[in-house]
Protein backbone atom coordinates (compact mmCIF):
# COMPACT_ATOMS: atom_id res chain seq x y z
CA MET A 1 108.48 96.97 66.37
CA ILE A 2 106.23 96.35 63.41
CA LEU A 3 105.51 98.98 60.89
CA LEU A 4 102.37 99.42 58.79
CA LYS A 5 104.36 101.29 56.23
CA ARG A 6 108.03 100.75 55.75
CA GLU A 7 108.81 104.42 55.46
CA GLN A 8 106.90 105.32 58.64
CA GLN A 9 107.45 104.69 62.31
CA PHE A 10 105.18 105.16 65.35
CA TYR A 11 106.34 108.01 67.51
CA ALA A 12 105.19 109.57 70.79
CA ILE A 13 106.64 113.10 71.37
CA GLY A 14 105.76 115.47 74.17
CA LEU A 15 106.48 117.19 77.45
CA SER A 16 104.99 116.97 80.89
CA TYR A 17 105.04 118.14 84.43
CA LYS A 18 108.02 115.87 85.12
CA LYS A 19 110.56 118.14 83.44
CA ALA A 20 108.65 121.12 82.12
CA ASP A 21 107.38 123.75 84.57
CA ALA A 22 104.06 125.43 84.21
CA THR A 23 105.39 128.30 82.21
CA THR A 24 107.11 126.04 79.67
CA ARG A 25 104.04 123.84 79.44
CA GLY A 26 102.02 126.98 78.72
CA HIS A 27 104.23 127.72 75.73
CA PHE A 28 103.22 124.45 74.16
CA ALA A 29 99.53 124.29 75.28
CA ILE A 30 97.35 123.56 72.23
CA SER A 31 94.09 125.32 71.78
CA GLU A 32 91.19 123.67 69.79
CA THR A 33 92.04 125.95 66.88
CA ALA A 34 95.73 124.98 66.97
CA GLN A 35 94.83 121.30 67.28
CA ALA A 36 92.64 121.53 64.14
CA ALA A 37 95.51 123.21 62.34
CA ILE A 38 97.99 120.54 63.47
CA LEU A 39 95.80 117.75 62.23
CA ASN A 40 94.87 119.41 58.90
CA GLY A 41 98.43 120.19 58.11
CA ALA A 42 99.87 116.85 59.19
CA ARG A 43 99.56 115.11 55.84
CA ASP A 44 101.51 117.84 54.14
CA GLU A 45 104.50 116.90 56.37
CA GLY A 46 104.30 113.24 55.50
CA VAL A 47 102.36 112.20 58.65
CA THR A 48 99.92 109.33 57.92
CA ALA A 49 98.23 109.07 61.26
CA LEU A 50 98.11 111.45 64.22
CA THR A 51 96.33 112.17 67.51
CA VAL A 52 96.96 114.93 70.01
CA ILE A 53 96.65 115.27 73.79
CA SER A 54 96.96 118.67 75.45
CA THR A 55 96.13 119.09 79.11
CA CYS A 56 97.33 121.30 81.97
CA ASN A 57 100.02 118.70 82.73
CA ARG A 58 101.17 117.51 79.31
CA THR A 59 101.18 118.09 75.52
CA GLU A 60 101.76 115.13 73.40
CA LEU A 61 101.55 113.96 69.76
CA TYR A 62 101.22 110.31 68.77
CA GLY A 63 101.50 109.34 65.23
CA PHE A 64 103.18 107.77 62.20
CA ALA A 65 105.75 109.99 60.63
CA PRO A 66 109.08 109.81 58.79
CA ASP A 67 110.87 110.78 61.92
CA ALA A 68 110.28 112.23 65.38
CA ILE A 69 111.51 115.74 64.52
CA THR A 70 108.73 116.05 62.00
CA LEU A 71 106.16 115.88 64.77
CA VAL A 72 108.27 118.28 66.86
CA LYS A 73 108.23 120.85 64.07
CA ILE A 74 104.50 120.51 63.54
CA LEU A 75 103.88 121.05 67.23
CA CYS A 76 106.16 124.06 67.46
CA GLU A 77 104.64 125.72 64.38
CA HIS A 78 101.27 125.86 66.05
CA THR A 79 102.16 126.75 69.62
CA HIS A 80 104.23 129.55 71.23
CA GLY A 81 107.44 127.70 71.99
CA THR A 82 110.63 127.04 70.01
CA ILE A 83 112.01 123.65 68.97
CA GLU A 84 115.12 124.28 71.15
CA GLU A 85 112.94 124.99 74.20
CA PHE A 86 110.81 121.90 73.52
CA LEU A 87 113.73 119.57 73.06
CA ASP A 88 115.34 120.71 76.24
CA VAL A 89 112.52 119.11 78.32
CA ALA A 90 110.90 116.77 75.87
CA TYR A 91 110.69 113.02 75.40
CA LEU A 92 110.80 111.33 71.99
CA HIS A 93 109.70 107.75 71.99
CA LYS A 94 109.63 105.34 69.04
CA GLY A 95 108.05 101.94 68.45
CA ASP A 96 107.59 99.76 71.52
CA GLU A 97 108.68 102.60 73.83
CA ALA A 98 105.96 104.82 72.28
CA ILE A 99 103.34 102.11 72.80
CA ALA A 100 104.43 101.60 76.46
CA HIS A 101 104.37 105.37 77.13
CA LEU A 102 100.82 105.71 75.78
CA PHE A 103 99.64 102.85 78.03
CA LYS A 104 101.20 104.60 81.07
CA VAL A 105 99.63 107.90 80.19
CA GLY A 106 96.19 106.53 79.40
CA THR A 107 95.94 104.50 82.48
CA GLY A 108 96.88 107.22 84.95
CA LEU A 109 100.30 105.80 85.90
CA ASP A 110 102.08 108.84 84.48
CA SER A 111 99.67 111.36 85.85
CA GLN A 112 100.82 114.14 88.19
CA ILE A 113 98.32 112.72 90.64
CA LEU A 114 98.66 108.89 90.47
CA GLY A 115 95.44 107.30 89.30
CA ASP A 116 93.95 110.36 87.71
CA PHE A 117 91.74 108.98 84.95
CA GLU A 118 90.67 112.27 83.40
CA ILE A 119 93.38 111.86 80.86
CA ILE A 120 91.68 108.90 79.22
CA GLY A 121 88.74 111.27 78.41
CA GLN A 122 91.18 113.60 76.66
CA LEU A 123 92.63 110.68 74.69
CA LYS A 124 89.14 109.65 73.58
CA ILE A 125 88.27 113.16 72.37
CA GLY A 126 91.61 113.50 70.47
CA PHE A 127 91.07 110.07 68.91
CA LYS A 128 87.56 110.86 67.74
CA ARG A 129 88.78 114.21 66.23
CA SER A 130 91.58 112.42 64.33
CA LYS A 131 89.32 109.67 63.12
CA LYS A 132 86.84 112.25 61.78
CA LEU A 133 89.64 113.62 59.66
CA GLN A 134 90.73 110.11 58.62
CA LEU A 135 94.01 110.39 60.39
CA ILE A 136 93.72 107.15 62.24
CA ASN A 137 95.07 103.96 60.81
CA PRO A 138 94.30 100.35 61.96
CA PHE A 139 97.37 100.22 64.16
CA MET A 140 96.40 103.32 66.08
CA GLU A 141 92.76 102.40 66.31
CA ARG A 142 93.60 99.07 67.81
CA LEU A 143 96.22 100.63 70.15
CA VAL A 144 93.96 103.35 71.45
CA ASN A 145 91.11 100.86 72.08
CA ALA A 146 93.63 98.59 73.92
CA VAL A 147 94.63 101.55 76.12
CA ILE A 148 90.95 102.38 76.80
CA GLN A 149 90.35 98.73 77.74
CA ALA A 150 93.42 98.79 80.10
CA SER A 151 92.21 102.00 81.71
CA LYS A 152 88.73 100.61 82.35
CA ARG A 153 90.08 97.33 83.80
CA ILE A 154 92.55 99.14 86.14
CA LYS A 155 89.85 101.48 87.30
CA ASN A 156 87.41 98.53 88.02
CA GLU A 157 89.95 95.89 89.27
CA THR A 158 92.24 97.98 91.42
CA GLU A 159 91.88 100.81 93.92
CA ILE A 160 94.47 103.01 92.30
CA SER A 161 91.81 105.59 91.66
CA SER A 162 90.41 105.70 95.19
CA GLY A 163 90.32 109.03 96.92
CA ALA A 164 91.38 112.21 95.12
CA THR A 165 91.50 111.59 91.37
CA SER A 166 92.13 115.02 90.00
CA VAL A 167 93.82 118.39 90.41
CA SER A 168 90.42 119.90 91.01
CA PHE A 169 89.74 117.64 93.93
CA ALA A 170 93.22 118.24 95.29
CA ALA A 171 92.42 121.97 95.15
CA VAL A 172 89.34 121.51 97.26
CA GLN A 173 91.33 119.37 99.71
CA TYR A 174 93.89 122.07 99.98
CA ILE A 175 91.14 124.77 100.67
CA MET A 176 89.43 122.68 103.26
CA ALA A 177 92.76 121.97 105.09
CA ARG A 178 93.89 125.56 105.24
CA VAL A 179 90.82 127.80 105.39
CA PRO A 180 88.98 127.69 108.80
CA TYR A 181 85.14 127.85 108.94
CA MET A 182 85.09 126.89 105.24
CA SER A 183 81.28 126.71 104.94
CA GLU A 184 81.01 130.36 105.94
CA LYS A 185 83.61 131.77 103.50
CA ASN A 186 82.91 133.51 100.20
CA ILE A 187 84.33 131.55 97.25
CA LEU A 188 84.75 132.95 93.69
CA LEU A 189 85.32 130.66 90.81
CA PHE A 190 86.68 132.46 87.68
CA GLY A 191 86.53 130.31 84.57
CA THR A 192 84.20 127.42 83.69
CA GLY A 193 86.39 125.12 81.61
CA LYS A 194 86.73 121.44 82.50
CA ILE A 195 88.90 121.97 85.61
CA GLY A 196 86.66 124.88 86.66
CA ARG A 197 83.47 122.67 86.33
CA ASN A 198 85.13 119.84 88.26
CA THR A 199 86.35 122.20 90.96
CA CYS A 200 82.89 123.71 91.28
CA GLU A 201 81.27 120.26 91.64
CA ASN A 202 83.82 119.28 94.30
CA LEU A 203 83.39 122.55 96.12
CA VAL A 204 79.64 122.10 96.36
CA LYS A 205 79.93 118.40 97.29
CA HIS A 206 82.60 118.70 100.00
CA THR A 207 82.44 122.17 101.50
CA LYS A 208 78.65 122.54 102.01
CA ASN A 209 79.33 126.20 101.12
CA GLU A 210 76.33 128.29 99.95
CA HIS A 211 78.44 131.34 99.14
CA ILE A 212 79.98 130.28 95.81
CA THR A 213 79.94 132.75 92.90
CA LEU A 214 80.82 132.02 89.28
CA ILE A 215 82.24 134.48 86.79
CA ASN A 216 83.09 133.60 83.14
CA ARG A 217 83.80 135.72 80.13
CA THR A 218 80.91 134.09 78.46
CA LYS A 219 78.08 134.40 81.00
CA GLU A 220 75.89 131.84 79.36
CA LYS A 221 78.40 129.08 80.19
CA ALA A 222 78.50 130.15 83.83
CA ASP A 223 74.69 130.23 83.90
CA LYS A 224 74.41 126.69 82.67
CA ILE A 225 76.80 125.38 85.38
CA ALA A 226 75.28 127.54 88.05
CA GLY A 227 71.81 126.23 87.22
CA LYS A 228 72.98 122.70 87.92
CA PHE A 229 74.21 123.61 91.44
CA ASN A 230 71.98 126.51 92.25
CA LEU A 231 74.91 129.04 92.43
CA LEU A 232 75.17 132.73 91.95
CA VAL A 233 76.56 134.14 88.63
CA LYS A 234 77.99 137.55 88.14
CA GLU A 235 79.16 139.51 85.05
CA TYR A 236 82.77 139.60 84.03
CA ALA A 237 82.71 143.30 84.48
CA GLN A 238 82.11 142.82 88.20
CA ILE A 239 85.24 140.71 88.81
CA GLU A 240 87.08 143.45 90.76
CA SER A 241 84.15 144.04 93.15
CA GLU A 242 83.62 140.25 93.56
CA ILE A 243 87.28 139.64 94.33
CA ALA A 244 87.14 142.35 97.01
CA GLN A 245 84.44 140.41 98.78
CA THR A 246 85.82 136.89 98.46
CA ASP A 247 88.01 134.77 100.69
CA VAL A 248 89.00 132.13 98.19
CA LEU A 249 89.49 132.80 94.48
CA VAL A 250 89.80 129.80 92.20
CA VAL A 251 91.06 130.74 88.70
CA ALA A 252 90.52 128.08 85.93
CA THR A 253 90.23 130.04 82.70
CA GLY A 254 91.59 129.12 79.32
CA ALA A 255 93.25 132.50 78.60
CA GLN A 256 96.72 132.56 77.16
CA LYS A 257 97.79 135.53 79.31
CA PRO A 258 97.22 136.35 83.01
CA THR A 259 93.73 137.63 83.80
CA VAL A 260 94.25 138.38 87.42
CA SER A 261 96.96 140.79 88.63
CA LYS A 262 97.48 142.88 91.78
CA GLU A 263 95.92 145.89 90.08
CA ILE A 264 92.39 144.36 90.34
CA ILE A 265 92.83 143.20 94.02
CA HIS A 266 91.61 145.88 96.41
CA SER A 267 90.76 143.86 99.42
CA LYS A 268 92.97 143.95 102.59
CA LYS A 269 91.54 140.82 104.14
CA PRO A 270 93.25 137.38 103.68
CA LEU A 271 92.75 136.05 100.20
CA LEU A 272 93.74 132.56 99.02
CA ILE A 273 94.17 132.34 95.25
CA LEU A 274 94.38 128.95 93.49
CA ASP A 275 95.58 129.16 89.91
CA LEU A 276 94.55 125.93 88.10
CA SER A 277 95.22 127.28 84.67
CA ILE A 278 97.85 126.40 82.07
CA PRO A 279 99.24 128.79 81.00
CA LYS A 280 99.22 130.61 84.32
CA ASN A 281 96.33 133.00 84.55
CA VAL A 282 97.35 134.79 87.81
CA SER A 283 100.24 137.20 87.59
CA ASN A 284 103.06 136.59 89.99
CA ASP A 285 102.84 140.17 91.16
CA VAL A 286 99.85 139.36 93.39
CA GLU A 287 102.37 137.88 95.81
CA GLU A 288 103.58 141.35 96.45
CA LEU A 289 100.32 141.89 98.36
CA GLU A 290 100.72 140.89 102.00
CA ASN A 291 97.18 139.58 102.32
CA VAL A 292 97.35 137.23 99.33
CA THR A 293 98.56 133.62 99.22
CA LEU A 294 98.98 132.24 95.66
CA ILE A 295 99.01 128.54 95.00
CA HIS A 296 99.53 127.08 91.52
CA LEU A 297 98.41 123.65 90.40
CA ASP A 298 101.99 122.41 90.42
CA GLN A 299 102.11 122.95 94.16
CA LEU A 300 98.74 121.17 94.65
CA SER A 301 99.93 118.19 92.67
CA LYS A 302 102.94 117.68 94.95
CA MET A 303 100.67 116.76 97.82
CA THR A 304 101.86 113.31 99.09
CA ASP A 305 99.16 112.40 101.53
CA ALA A 306 98.30 108.88 102.81
CA THR A 307 95.83 108.35 100.02
CA LEU A 308 98.42 108.81 97.23
CA LYS A 309 100.85 106.59 99.11
CA ARG A 310 98.23 103.96 99.41
CA ARG A 311 97.65 104.09 95.68
CA GLN A 312 101.24 103.29 94.88
CA GLY A 313 100.65 99.83 96.32
CA TYR A 314 98.32 99.06 93.41
CA ILE A 315 100.94 99.95 90.69
CA PRO A 316 102.14 96.35 90.29
CA GLN A 317 98.61 95.09 89.79
CA ALA A 318 97.98 97.91 87.17
CA GLU A 319 101.17 97.07 85.44
CA ALA A 320 100.21 93.40 85.18
CA ILE A 321 96.92 94.41 83.48
CA ILE A 322 98.88 96.62 81.12
CA LYS A 323 101.27 93.82 80.25
CA GLU A 324 98.41 91.40 79.56
CA ILE A 325 96.68 93.83 77.15
CA THR A 326 100.04 94.91 75.59
CA ASP A 327 100.85 91.22 74.83
CA GLU A 328 97.43 90.85 73.19
CA PHE A 329 98.12 93.94 71.10
CA ASN A 330 101.50 92.70 70.05
CA ALA A 331 100.01 89.32 69.15
CA TRP A 332 97.53 91.10 66.88
CA LEU A 333 100.33 93.22 65.51
CA GLN A 334 102.38 90.09 64.71
CA THR A 335 99.38 88.55 62.95
CA ARG A 336 98.95 91.66 60.84
CA LYS A 337 102.61 91.39 59.78
CA PHE A 338 102.32 87.82 58.39
CA ALA A 339 98.65 87.97 57.31
CA PRO A 340 99.55 89.11 53.76
CA THR A 341 101.92 86.16 53.45
CA VAL A 342 99.25 83.65 54.47
CA LYS A 343 96.78 85.31 52.11
CA ALA A 344 99.28 85.15 49.23
CA LEU A 345 100.03 81.46 50.05
CA LYS A 346 96.35 80.64 50.07
CA ALA A 347 95.92 82.36 46.71
CA ARG A 348 98.86 80.38 45.24
CA LEU A 349 97.39 77.13 46.61
CA LYS A 350 94.07 78.00 45.05
CA GLU A 351 95.85 78.37 41.67
CA VAL A 352 97.40 74.95 42.05
CA GLN A 353 94.00 73.51 43.02
CA ALA A 354 92.28 75.06 39.97
CA ALA A 355 94.88 73.67 37.61
CA GLU A 356 94.79 70.14 39.17
CA LEU A 357 91.01 70.05 39.06
CA GLU A 358 91.05 71.04 35.41
CA ASN A 359 93.62 68.24 34.68
CA VAL A 360 91.52 65.57 36.50
CA ARG A 361 88.30 66.86 34.90
CA LYS A 362 89.80 66.16 31.46
CA LYS A 363 91.06 62.70 32.26
CA THR A 364 88.42 61.28 34.54
CA PRO A 365 84.89 60.47 33.46
CA ASP A 366 82.05 60.99 35.99
CA PHE A 367 84.39 63.22 37.97
CA SER A 368 82.76 64.75 41.06
CA GLU A 369 84.24 68.27 41.01
CA ALA A 370 82.21 69.38 44.03
CA THR A 371 83.63 66.58 46.17
CA ALA A 372 87.18 67.20 45.05
CA THR A 373 86.85 70.93 45.53
CA ALA A 374 85.49 70.50 49.04
CA MET A 375 88.28 68.07 49.94
CA SER A 376 91.13 70.25 48.54
CA ASP A 377 89.60 73.33 50.19
CA LYS A 378 89.96 71.65 53.56
CA ILE A 379 93.62 70.71 52.78
CA ILE A 380 94.41 74.26 51.73
CA GLN A 381 92.80 75.54 54.95
CA LYS A 382 94.80 73.12 57.10
CA ILE A 383 98.05 74.08 55.33
CA THR A 384 97.44 77.80 55.72
CA ASN A 385 96.44 77.34 59.41
CA GLN A 386 99.63 75.42 60.07
CA VAL A 387 101.73 78.12 58.35
CA ALA A 388 99.93 80.82 60.37
CA HIS A 389 100.54 78.91 63.61
CA HIS A 390 104.21 78.61 62.77
CA LEU A 391 104.55 82.32 61.97
CA ARG A 392 102.69 83.22 65.14
CA HIS A 393 105.19 81.32 67.30
CA ALA A 394 108.31 82.09 65.25
CA ASN A 395 110.05 83.58 68.24
CA GLY A 396 111.91 86.37 66.53
CA GLU A 397 112.40 84.46 63.26
CA THR A 398 109.13 85.61 61.56
CA GLU A 399 111.07 87.66 58.96
CA GLU A 400 113.18 84.67 57.96
CA SER A 401 110.20 82.38 57.86
CA ILE A 402 108.19 84.82 55.69
CA ALA A 403 111.14 85.14 53.25
CA LEU A 404 111.50 81.31 53.06
CA ILE A 405 107.81 80.67 52.44
CA SER A 406 107.72 83.45 49.83
CA THR A 407 110.71 81.90 48.04
CA ILE A 408 109.41 78.29 48.14
CA PHE A 409 105.96 79.15 46.79
CA GLN A 410 107.21 82.08 44.61
CA LEU A 411 104.68 84.44 46.20
CA ASP A 412 104.09 87.88 44.78
CA GLN A 413 106.14 90.18 47.02
CA HIS A 414 103.71 93.05 46.31
CA ASN A 415 100.99 91.04 48.19
CA VAL A 416 103.25 90.17 51.18
């Protein structure tokens, strides 16, 4: 693993659906305000580069820091969980392992639903936010762009994203499979965040239902989405009366505490509730009502239908693309490591060139300095190219070669 700064290492720390349940993930969910606080306070903790991912399925920090626990402390200071709770279910990756993890996450291979490419959008957003605050170094910029390139190629060159590609689509699949006469049922969507919007779009597209109502705490946001699909919008104050009339309630708000409990459910007819929120926005006490069936996104994501099984067949092809782009990134990284040595060598050869040209100028009448300079420039370029080629293919001995070249040519170590 190659470091941009000797006192820093590249780390990936986080938790995901694999070991952390929805409640635990909710404790470490990062709001936009918390994300800004994390980034703004990162430098004070010795973090030189940082980007953040926070979705319903994972919370992760990628960055250069003195150690992994520094990033863990920063995360826990701005969320609702403790360090002990985090470490109990977390992963801490360093160097090459951190790079490999980011490639898996960004290309959908680590998603709860295999091939879900929504995560790459979250990575792009986090990257732009960090770059705006000048918290992205050349290493991370190149790495994130490489992951974006891999994601695009996998999406275009394989069928790993065919069929359902998100929790929101899985929710609609679940509804259609379990609710008879779907087109005639009343559907209420509470919350218009990203998952809510995607669910709404999938409901309209796949159910042919004309009885979909939207409610959001901020009515203007609901109006904007409803206008796109010609749906009905009701005030937040009407949520109890709307729940009483609905057959399917989809909750996708961004609230930090439950917004739906059994106290606001007055209907006796069968009611299917899908909670797509992290943290959970539907209180568990609704299950005490005999007419209510509550499904959380964790349950939806465990669907192992034929489509998901078929996608698994494309994993080797996706991994081959990742390896190809990772190799390219590592080659670039290796070049960055020895580039200062080559630059310092070229500067030293230029010094020798200048001294020799001056000597010849003094001793040789009618000396063509332009011709001699052009010829020696070509020689310097050939020497530095040969050295760069050797260092690029040093096969694990780059450090030794750099040290030897530096000693032989007495290169300034501050420029290496």
